[in-house]
C-alpha atoms as a PDB file:
ATOM      1  CA  MET A   1      40.147  65.145 -47.873  1.00  0.00           C
ATOM      2  CA  LEU A   2      42.362  67.295 -45.234  1.00  0.00           C
ATOM      3  CA  ASN A   3      44.026  69.092 -48.440  1.00  0.00           C
ATOM      4  CA  ASN A   4      40.684  70.891 -48.920  1.00  0.00           C
ATOM      5  CA  TYR A   5      40.870  72.927 -45.240  1.00  0.00           C
ATOM      6  CA  LYS A   6      42.738  75.948 -45.796  1.00  0.00           C
ATOM      7  CA  LYS A   7      43.313  78.551 -42.765  1.00  0.00           C
ATOM      8  CA  ASN A   8      41.405  81.600 -43.095  1.00  0.00           C
ATOM      9  CA  LYS A   9      43.369  84.344 -40.884  1.00  0.00           C
ATOM     10  CA  GLU A  10      40.394  86.192 -40.558  1.00  0.00           C
ATOM     11  CA  LEU A  11      38.760  83.428 -38.557  1.00  0.00           C
ATOM     12  CA  LEU A  12      41.402  82.635 -36.281  1.00  0.00           C
ATOM     13  CA  LEU A  13      40.831  82.871 -32.533  1.00  0.00           C
ATOM     14  CA  PRO A  14      43.558  83.538 -30.392  1.00  0.00           C
ATOM     15  CA  PRO A  15      44.769  80.799 -28.397  1.00  0.00           C
ATOM     16  CA  ASP A  16      44.680  80.776 -24.839  1.00  0.00           C
ATOM     17  CA  ARG A  17      47.049  79.178 -22.313  1.00  0.00           C
ATOM     18  CA  LYS A  18      44.237  77.957 -20.121  1.00  0.00           C
ATOM     19  CA  PHE A  19      42.389  76.304 -23.105  1.00  0.00           C
ATOM     20  CA  VAL A  20      45.820  74.915 -24.502  1.00  0.00           C
ATOM     21  CA  LYS A  21      46.606  73.092 -21.387  1.00  0.00           C
ATOM     22  CA  ILE A  22      43.109  71.933 -20.589  1.00  0.00           C
ATOM     23  CA  LEU A  23      43.251  70.510 -24.256  1.00  0.00           C
ATOM     24  CA  LYS A  24      46.831  68.681 -23.806  1.00  0.00           C
ATOM     25  CA  THR A  25      45.198  67.054 -20.656  1.00  0.00           C
ATOM     26  CA  ILE A  26      42.164  65.541 -22.673  1.00  0.00           C
ATOM     27  CA  LEU A  27      44.458  64.618 -25.915  1.00  0.00           C
ATOM     28  CA  GLY A  28      47.869  64.352 -24.476  1.00  0.00           C
ATOM     29  CA  PHE A  29      49.631  66.253 -26.781  1.00  0.00           C
ATOM     30  CA  ARG A  30      49.790  70.006 -27.654  1.00  0.00           C
ATOM     31  CA  PRO A  31      47.362  70.487 -30.406  1.00  0.00           C
ATOM     32  CA  GLY A  32      48.522  72.270 -33.635  1.00  0.00           C
ATOM     33  CA  ARG A  33      45.268  73.797 -35.672  1.00  0.00           C
ATOM     34  CA  ILE A  34      44.065  75.599 -32.351  1.00  0.00           C
ATOM     35  CA  ASP A  35      41.384  77.516 -34.414  1.00  0.00           C
ATOM     36  CA  TYR A  36      39.665  74.572 -35.142  1.00  0.00           C
ATOM     37  CA  TYR A  37      39.674  73.138 -31.532  1.00  0.00           C
ATOM     38  CA  HIS A  38      38.246  76.387 -30.450  1.00  0.00           C
ATOM     39  CA  LYS A  39      35.447  76.264 -33.021  1.00  0.00           C
ATOM     40  CA  ALA A  40      34.844  72.704 -31.495  1.00  0.00           C
ATOM     41  CA  PHE A  41      33.419  74.082 -28.450  1.00  0.00           C
ATOM     42  CA  ILE A  42      31.375  76.949 -29.595  1.00  0.00           C
ATOM     43  CA  HIS A  43      27.790  75.881 -29.242  1.00  0.00           C
ATOM     44  CA  LYS A  44      25.238  77.004 -31.727  1.00  0.00           C
ATOM     45  CA  SER A  45      23.620  79.351 -29.130  1.00  0.00           C
ATOM     46  CA  ALA A  46      26.739  81.307 -28.909  1.00  0.00           C
ATOM     47  CA  THR A  47      27.364  81.183 -32.615  1.00  0.00           C
ATOM     48  CA  LYS A  48      30.143  84.254 -33.990  1.00  0.00           C
ATOM     49  CA  ILE A  49      28.960  86.070 -36.935  1.00  0.00           C
ATOM     50  CA  TYR A  50      31.926  87.621 -38.908  1.00  0.00           C
ATOM     51  CA  PRO A  51      31.821  90.757 -41.155  1.00  0.00           C
ATOM     52  CA  THR A  52      31.964  88.369 -44.070  1.00  0.00           C
ATOM     53  CA  GLY A  53      28.447  86.891 -43.057  1.00  0.00           C
ATOM     54  CA  GLN A  54      30.134  83.502 -41.815  1.00  0.00           C
ATOM     55  CA  SER A  55      28.646  81.967 -39.221  1.00  0.00           C
ATOM     56  CA  ILE A  56      31.124  80.111 -36.671  1.00  0.00           C
ATOM     57  CA  ASN A  57      29.943  77.298 -34.090  1.00  0.00           C
ATOM     58  CA  ASN A  58      30.686  73.686 -33.813  1.00  0.00           C
ATOM     59  CA  GLU A  59      27.783  72.163 -35.953  1.00  0.00           C
ATOM     60  CA  ARG A  60      29.780  71.247 -39.209  1.00  0.00           C
ATOM     61  CA  LEU A  61      32.734  69.755 -36.631  1.00  0.00           C
ATOM     62  CA  GLU A  62      30.256  67.821 -34.947  1.00  0.00           C
ATOM     63  CA  TYR A  63      29.240  66.427 -38.127  1.00  0.00           C
ATOM     64  CA  LEU A  64      32.444  65.396 -39.487  1.00  0.00           C
ATOM     65  CA  GLY A  65      33.356  64.084 -35.590  1.00  0.00           C
ATOM     66  CA  ASP A  66      30.284  61.913 -35.253  1.00  0.00           C
ATOM     67  CA  ALA A  67      31.423  60.207 -38.591  1.00  0.00           C
ATOM     68  CA  ILE A  68      34.874  59.579 -37.543  1.00  0.00           C
ATOM     69  CA  LEU A  69      33.949  58.358 -34.317  1.00  0.00           C
ATOM     70  CA  ASP A  70      31.512  55.470 -35.750  1.00  0.00           C
ATOM     71  CA  ALA A  71      34.051  54.534 -38.295  1.00  0.00           C
ATOM     72  CA  ILE A  72      36.748  53.969 -35.030  1.00  0.00           C
ATOM     73  CA  ILE A  73      34.011  52.124 -32.746  1.00  0.00           C
ATOM     74  CA  ALA A  74      33.341  50.157 -35.637  1.00  0.00           C
ATOM     75  CA  GLU A  75      36.913  48.952 -36.481  1.00  0.00           C
ATOM     76  CA  TYR A  76      37.703  48.506 -32.862  1.00  0.00           C
ATOM     77  CA  LEU A  77      34.629  46.357 -31.916  1.00  0.00           C
ATOM     78  CA  PHE A  78      35.558  44.539 -35.259  1.00  0.00           C
ATOM     79  CA  ASP A  79      38.959  43.623 -34.130  1.00  0.00           C
ATOM     80  CA  LYS A  80      37.722  43.324 -30.525  1.00  0.00           C
ATOM     81  CA  PHE A  81      35.129  40.559 -31.102  1.00  0.00           C
ATOM     82  CA  PRO A  82      36.217  38.678 -34.157  1.00  0.00           C
ATOM     83  CA  PHE A  83      33.591  36.117 -33.970  1.00  0.00           C
ATOM     84  CA  ARG A  84      30.670  38.083 -32.872  1.00  0.00           C
ATOM     85  CA  ASP A  85      28.336  38.838 -35.388  1.00  0.00           C
ATOM     86  CA  GLU A  86      26.746  42.088 -37.074  1.00  0.00           C
ATOM     87  CA  GLY A  87      24.041  42.598 -34.834  1.00  0.00           C
ATOM     88  CA  PHE A  88      26.164  42.174 -31.709  1.00  0.00           C
ATOM     89  CA  LEU A  89      28.700  44.819 -33.014  1.00  0.00           C
ATOM     90  CA  THR A  90      25.874  47.178 -34.177  1.00  0.00           C
ATOM     91  CA  GLN A  91      24.314  47.078 -30.633  1.00  0.00           C
ATOM     92  CA  MET A  92      27.628  47.666 -28.840  1.00  0.00           C
ATOM     93  CA  ARG A  93      28.409  50.550 -31.148  1.00  0.00           C
ATOM     94  CA  SER A  94      25.249  51.834 -30.234  1.00  0.00           C
ATOM     95  CA  LYS A  95      26.076  51.759 -26.635  1.00  0.00           C
ATOM     96  CA  ILE A  96      29.034  53.470 -26.790  1.00  0.00           C
ATOM     97  CA  VAL A  97      28.144  56.235 -29.138  1.00  0.00           C
ATOM     98  CA  ASN A  98      24.400  57.330 -28.058  1.00  0.00           C
ATOM     99  CA  ARG A  99      24.162  60.580 -26.650  1.00  0.00           C
ATOM    100  CA  GLU A 100      23.576  59.972 -22.846  1.00  0.00           C
ATOM    101  CA  ASN A 101      26.829  57.984 -22.853  1.00  0.00           C
ATOM    102  CA  LEU A 102      28.888  60.623 -24.934  1.00  0.00           C
ATOM    103  CA  ASN A 103      27.905  63.378 -22.491  1.00  0.00           C
ATOM    104  CA  PHE A 104      29.244  61.256 -19.886  1.00  0.00           C
ATOM    105  CA  LEU A 105      32.423  60.896 -21.126  1.00  0.00           C
ATOM    106  CA  ALA A 106      32.537  64.415 -22.226  1.00  0.00           C
ATOM    107  CA  LEU A 107      32.098  65.136 -18.245  1.00  0.00           C
ATOM    108  CA  LYS A 108      34.836  62.739 -17.531  1.00  0.00           C
ATOM    109  CA  LEU A 109      37.327  64.404 -19.883  1.00  0.00           C
ATOM    110  CA  GLY A 110      36.504  67.865 -18.708  1.00  0.00           C
ATOM    111  CA  ILE A 111      35.011  69.053 -22.054  1.00  0.00           C
ATOM    112  CA  ASN A 112      32.679  71.379 -20.235  1.00  0.00           C
ATOM    113  CA  GLN A 113      35.485  73.122 -18.974  1.00  0.00           C
ATOM    114  CA  LEU A 114      35.794  74.534 -22.475  1.00  0.00           C
ATOM    115  CA  VAL A 115      32.314  74.759 -23.843  1.00  0.00           C
ATOM    116  CA  ILE A 116      30.930  78.069 -24.977  1.00  0.00           C
ATOM    117  CA  SER A 117      27.026  78.374 -24.741  1.00  0.00           C
ATOM    118  CA  ASN A 118      24.367  80.774 -24.325  1.00  0.00           C
ATOM    119  CA  THR A 119      21.580  78.508 -23.578  1.00  0.00           C
ATOM    120  CA  ALA A 120      20.299  76.060 -20.495  1.00  0.00           C
ATOM    121  CA  ASN A 121      21.901  72.985 -20.590  1.00  0.00           C
ATOM    122  CA  SER A 122      18.344  71.276 -19.203  1.00  0.00           C
ATOM    123  CA  ILE A 123      17.430  72.469 -22.761  1.00  0.00           C
ATOM    124  CA  HIS A 124      20.368  71.001 -24.844  1.00  0.00           C
ATOM    125  CA  LYS A 125      21.376  68.395 -22.132  1.00  0.00           C
ATOM    126  CA  PHE A 126      23.659  66.885 -24.610  1.00  0.00           C
ATOM    127  CA  ILE A 127      25.656  70.003 -25.211  1.00  0.00           C
ATOM    128  CA  TYR A 128      28.709  68.414 -24.139  1.00  0.00           C
ATOM    129  CA  GLY A 129      28.627  65.012 -26.088  1.00  0.00           C
ATOM    130  CA  ASP A 130      27.892  67.301 -29.306  1.00  0.00           C
ATOM    131  CA  ALA A 131      31.183  69.080 -28.074  1.00  0.00           C
ATOM    132  CA  LEU A 132      33.095  65.993 -28.157  1.00  0.00           C
ATOM    133  CA  GLU A 133      32.166  64.988 -31.295  1.00  0.00           C
ATOM    134  CA  ALA A 134      33.395  68.096 -32.704  1.00  0.00           C
ATOM    135  CA  LEU A 135      36.793  67.888 -30.924  1.00  0.00           C
ATOM    136  CA  ILE A 136      37.196  64.358 -32.724  1.00  0.00           C
ATOM    137  CA  GLY A 137      36.128  66.575 -35.741  1.00  0.00           C
ATOM    138  CA  ALA A 138      38.893  68.926 -34.965  1.00  0.00           C
ATOM    139  CA  LEU A 139      41.485  66.525 -34.074  1.00  0.00           C
ATOM    140  CA  TYR A 140      40.668  64.516 -37.687  1.00  0.00           C
ATOM    141  CA  ILE A 141      41.646  67.722 -39.502  1.00  0.00           C
ATOM    142  CA  ASP A 142      44.409  68.462 -37.390  1.00  0.00           C
ATOM    143  CA  LYS A 143      45.975  65.403 -37.243  1.00  0.00           C
ATOM    144  CA  GLY A 144      44.447  62.856 -39.471  1.00  0.00           C
ATOM    145  CA  TYR A 145      42.542  59.546 -38.987  1.00  0.00           C
ATOM    146  CA  ARG A 146      45.423  57.375 -37.358  1.00  0.00           C
ATOM    147  CA  ARG A 147      46.070  59.951 -34.448  1.00  0.00           C
ATOM    148  CA  THR A 148      42.506  60.567 -34.079  1.00  0.00           C
ATOM    149  CA  LYS A 149      42.059  56.571 -33.732  1.00  0.00           C
ATOM    150  CA  LYS A 150      44.921  56.493 -31.360  1.00  0.00           C
ATOM    151  CA  VAL A 151      43.457  59.070 -28.952  1.00  0.00           C
ATOM    152  CA  VAL A 152      39.796  57.765 -29.048  1.00  0.00           C
ATOM    153  CA  ILE A 153      40.894  54.199 -28.350  1.00  0.00           C
ATOM    154  CA  ASN A 154      43.863  55.008 -25.724  1.00  0.00           C
ATOM    155  CA  ARG A 155      42.390  57.845 -23.585  1.00  0.00           C
ATOM    156  CA  ILE A 156      38.609  57.629 -24.169  1.00  0.00           C
ATOM    157  CA  ILE A 157      37.935  53.727 -24.630  1.00  0.00           C
ATOM    158  CA  LYS A 158      40.418  52.318 -22.576  1.00  0.00           C
ATOM    159  CA  ASP A 159      40.336  54.849 -19.829  1.00  0.00           C
ATOM    160  CA  HIS A 160      36.590  55.731 -19.300  1.00  0.00           C
ATOM    161  CA  ILE A 161      34.352  53.047 -21.029  1.00  0.00           C
ATOM    162  CA  ASN A 162      34.108  49.316 -19.470  1.00  0.00           C
ATOM    163  CA  VAL A 163      33.483  47.209 -22.531  1.00  0.00           C
ATOM    164  CA  LYS A 164      32.224  44.426 -20.666  1.00  0.00           C
ATOM    165  CA  LYS A 165      29.834  46.299 -18.200  1.00  0.00           C
ATOM    166  CA  LEU A 166      28.545  47.600 -21.624  1.00  0.00           C
ATOM    167  CA  ILE A 167      27.754  43.874 -22.971  1.00  0.00           C
ATOM    168  CA  SER A 168      25.100  43.549 -20.469  1.00  0.00           C
ATOM    169  CA  LEU A 169      23.820  46.902 -20.188  1.00  0.00           C
ATOM    170  CA  GLU A 170      20.215  47.234 -21.683  1.00  0.00           C
ATOM    171  CA  THR A 171      19.707  49.972 -24.194  1.00  0.00           C
ATOM    172  CA  ASP A 172      16.964  48.716 -26.618  1.00  0.00           C
ATOM    173  CA  PHE A 173      13.866  50.090 -24.238  1.00  0.00           C
ATOM    174  CA  LYS A 174      11.414  50.450 -27.233  1.00  0.00           C
ATOM    175  CA  SER A 175      11.609  46.900 -27.981  1.00  0.00           C
ATOM    176  CA  ARG A 176      11.642  45.385 -24.208  1.00  0.00           C
ATOM    177  CA  ILE A 177       8.459  47.832 -23.409  1.00  0.00           C
ATOM    178  CA  ILE A 178       6.642  46.441 -26.888  1.00  0.00           C
ATOM    179  CA  GLU A 179       7.501  43.199 -25.710  1.00  0.00           C
ATOM    180  CA  TRP A 180       5.816  43.800 -22.294  1.00  0.00           C
ATOM    181  CA  GLY A 181       2.895  45.142 -23.971  1.00  0.00           C
ATOM    182  CA  GLN A 182       2.423  41.790 -26.071  1.00  0.00           C
ATOM    183  CA  LYS A 183       2.827  39.930 -22.787  1.00  0.00           C
ATOM    184  CA  ASN A 184       0.577  41.555 -20.925  1.00  0.00           C
ATOM    185  CA  LYS A 185      -2.044  42.047 -23.889  1.00  0.00           C
ATOM    186  CA  THR A 186      -1.654  45.649 -23.622  1.00  0.00           C
ATOM    187  CA  LEU A 187      -1.633  48.203 -26.305  1.00  0.00           C
ATOM    188  CA  VAL A 188       1.591  50.036 -26.505  1.00  0.00           C
ATOM    189  CA  ASN A 189       1.449  53.396 -28.772  1.00  0.00           C
ATOM    190  CA  PHE A 190       3.905  56.075 -29.447  1.00  0.00           C
ATOM    191  CA  GLU A 191       2.652  59.494 -30.593  1.00  0.00           C
ATOM    192  CA  SER A 192       5.972  61.225 -31.776  1.00  0.00           C
ATOM    193  CA  ALA A 193       6.527  64.583 -33.883  1.00  0.00           C
ATOM    194  CA  GLY A 194       9.457  67.007 -34.713  1.00  0.00           C
ATOM    195  CA  GLN A 195       9.677  70.544 -33.955  1.00  0.00           C
ATOM    196  CA  PRO A 196      12.387  73.072 -34.844  1.00  0.00           C
ATOM    197  CA  ASP A 197      15.043  73.776 -32.652  1.00  0.00           C
ATOM    198  CA  GLU A 198      14.499  77.485 -30.861  1.00  0.00           C
ATOM    199  CA  ASN A 199      18.319  78.231 -31.686  1.00  0.00           C
ATOM    200  CA  ASN A 200      18.642  76.971 -35.290  1.00  0.00           C
ATOM    201  CA  LYS A 201      14.986  76.554 -37.122  1.00  0.00           C
ATOM    202  CA  ASN A 202      17.079  73.886 -39.819  1.00  0.00           C
ATOM    203  CA  HIS A 203      17.658  71.333 -37.006  1.00  0.00           C
ATOM    204  CA  ILE A 204      14.689  69.297 -35.483  1.00  0.00           C
ATOM    205  CA  THR A 205      13.997  68.020 -32.281  1.00  0.00           C
ATOM    206  CA  PHE A 206      12.018  64.997 -31.769  1.00  0.00           C
ATOM    207  CA  ILE A 207       9.592  64.582 -28.848  1.00  0.00           C
ATOM    208  CA  SER A 208       7.500  61.392 -28.317  1.00  0.00           C
ATOM    209  CA  HIS A 209       4.787  60.117 -26.085  1.00  0.00           C
ATOM    210  CA  LEU A 210       4.518  56.497 -24.846  1.00  0.00           C
ATOM    211  CA  PHE A 211       0.807  55.211 -23.909  1.00  0.00           C
ATOM    212  CA  ILE A 212      -0.061  52.274 -22.520  1.00  0.00           C
ATOM    213  CA  GLY A 213      -3.891  51.923 -23.123  1.00  0.00           C
ATOM    214  CA  ASP A 214      -4.994  55.242 -22.757  1.00  0.00           C
ATOM    215  CA  GLU A 215      -2.580  56.376 -20.110  1.00  0.00           C
ATOM    216  CA  LEU A 216       0.745  58.477 -20.867  1.00  0.00           C
ATOM    217  CA  LYS A 217       3.581  56.665 -19.206  1.00  0.00           C
ATOM    218  CA  GLY A 218       6.846  57.905 -20.705  1.00  0.00           C
ATOM    219  CA  GLN A 219       7.693  61.227 -22.456  1.00  0.00           C
ATOM    220  CA  GLY A 220      11.278  61.268 -24.553  1.00  0.00           C
ATOM    221  CA  VAL A 221      13.182  63.952 -26.211  1.00  0.00           C
ATOM    222  CA  GLY A 222      15.990  63.352 -29.049  1.00  0.00           C
ATOM    223  CA  TYR A 223      17.407  64.395 -32.258  1.00  0.00           C
ATOM    224  CA  THR A 224      15.922  61.465 -33.679  1.00  0.00           C
ATOM    225  CA  LYS A 225      12.337  59.960 -34.024  1.00  0.00           C
ATOM    226  CA  LYS A 226      14.307  56.675 -32.663  1.00  0.00           C
ATOM    227  CA  GLU A 227      15.808  58.316 -30.147  1.00  0.00           C
ATOM    228  CA  ALA A 228      12.992  60.345 -28.626  1.00  0.00           C
ATOM    229  CA  GLU A 229      10.951  56.909 -28.592  1.00  0.00           C
ATOM    230  CA  GLN A 230      13.842  54.911 -26.831  1.00  0.00           C
ATOM    231  CA  ASN A 231      14.046  57.716 -24.160  1.00  0.00           C
ATOM    232  CA  ALA A 232      10.179  57.423 -23.673  1.00  0.00           C
ATOM    233  CA  SER A 233      10.220  53.686 -23.481  1.00  0.00           C
ATOM    234  CA  LYS A 234      12.869  54.040 -20.729  1.00  0.00           C
ATOM    235  CA  GLN A 235      11.097  56.081 -18.607  1.00  0.00           C
ATOM    236  CA  ALA A 236       8.178  54.036 -18.625  1.00  0.00           C
ATOM    237  CA  ILE A 237      10.154  51.029 -17.922  1.00  0.00           C
ATOM    238  CA  GLU A 238      11.411  52.820 -14.785  1.00  0.00           C
ATOM    239  CA  HIS A 239       8.096  53.825 -13.706  1.00  0.00           C
ATOM    240  CA  LEU A 240       6.180  50.782 -14.613  1.00  0.00           C
ATOM    241  CA  ILE A 241       7.871  47.457 -15.151  1.00  0.00           C
ATOM    242  CA  ILE A 242      10.727  47.516 -12.540  1.00  0.00           C
ATOM    243  CA  LYS A 243       7.954  48.037  -9.742  1.00  0.00           C
ATOM    244  CA  GLU A 244       6.561  44.658 -10.873  1.00  0.00           C
END
């Protein structure tokens, strides 16, 4: 797969000493194919258009990094918890790779210092987490799976993730609010819809409204309908259940 990637000299971005220094701090070594790392931090709102008509941003690397990260986390959890079932492993992986947690990890790593964006973070609040996935994609292209796995486990998971704490962390807010509604004989209803992203008409952002009876109790936004409903449920729980 890696052999399919060939350098296009016209698309190379000039290396920057500060950029490389920050990358070395994050990764633990000096990166090789610096052009891919530059692309990893270009948000779609700051897309560069070359004379050839090619658009350069981090969306493709984000897609690749998302898949690589999922594989690494799945393998890590499979080895770490040899006697736990598929449900537990899936839930743990979701806790690690959810958008909010990835954004938190990206900020701890200092990725916010590298991101190039022309949009407000309040609109794209997971911009740094997306860049983290793109960085993993660039690292995979540059160094391959084995080196990428080593960086993710040693410099992200072991340094910044408390796995024991995550085990007890509640993340399935939708199931919890539905169970609450059943227990209290109250109708819980979601109204969810997708709309085109203002910066990329091919990308859909989902908005979910959670009604308890006829009252709006939660609103959530996400890259998927499931994520939006989870976020709406979390908001409803924070304002309703915890007070009881």
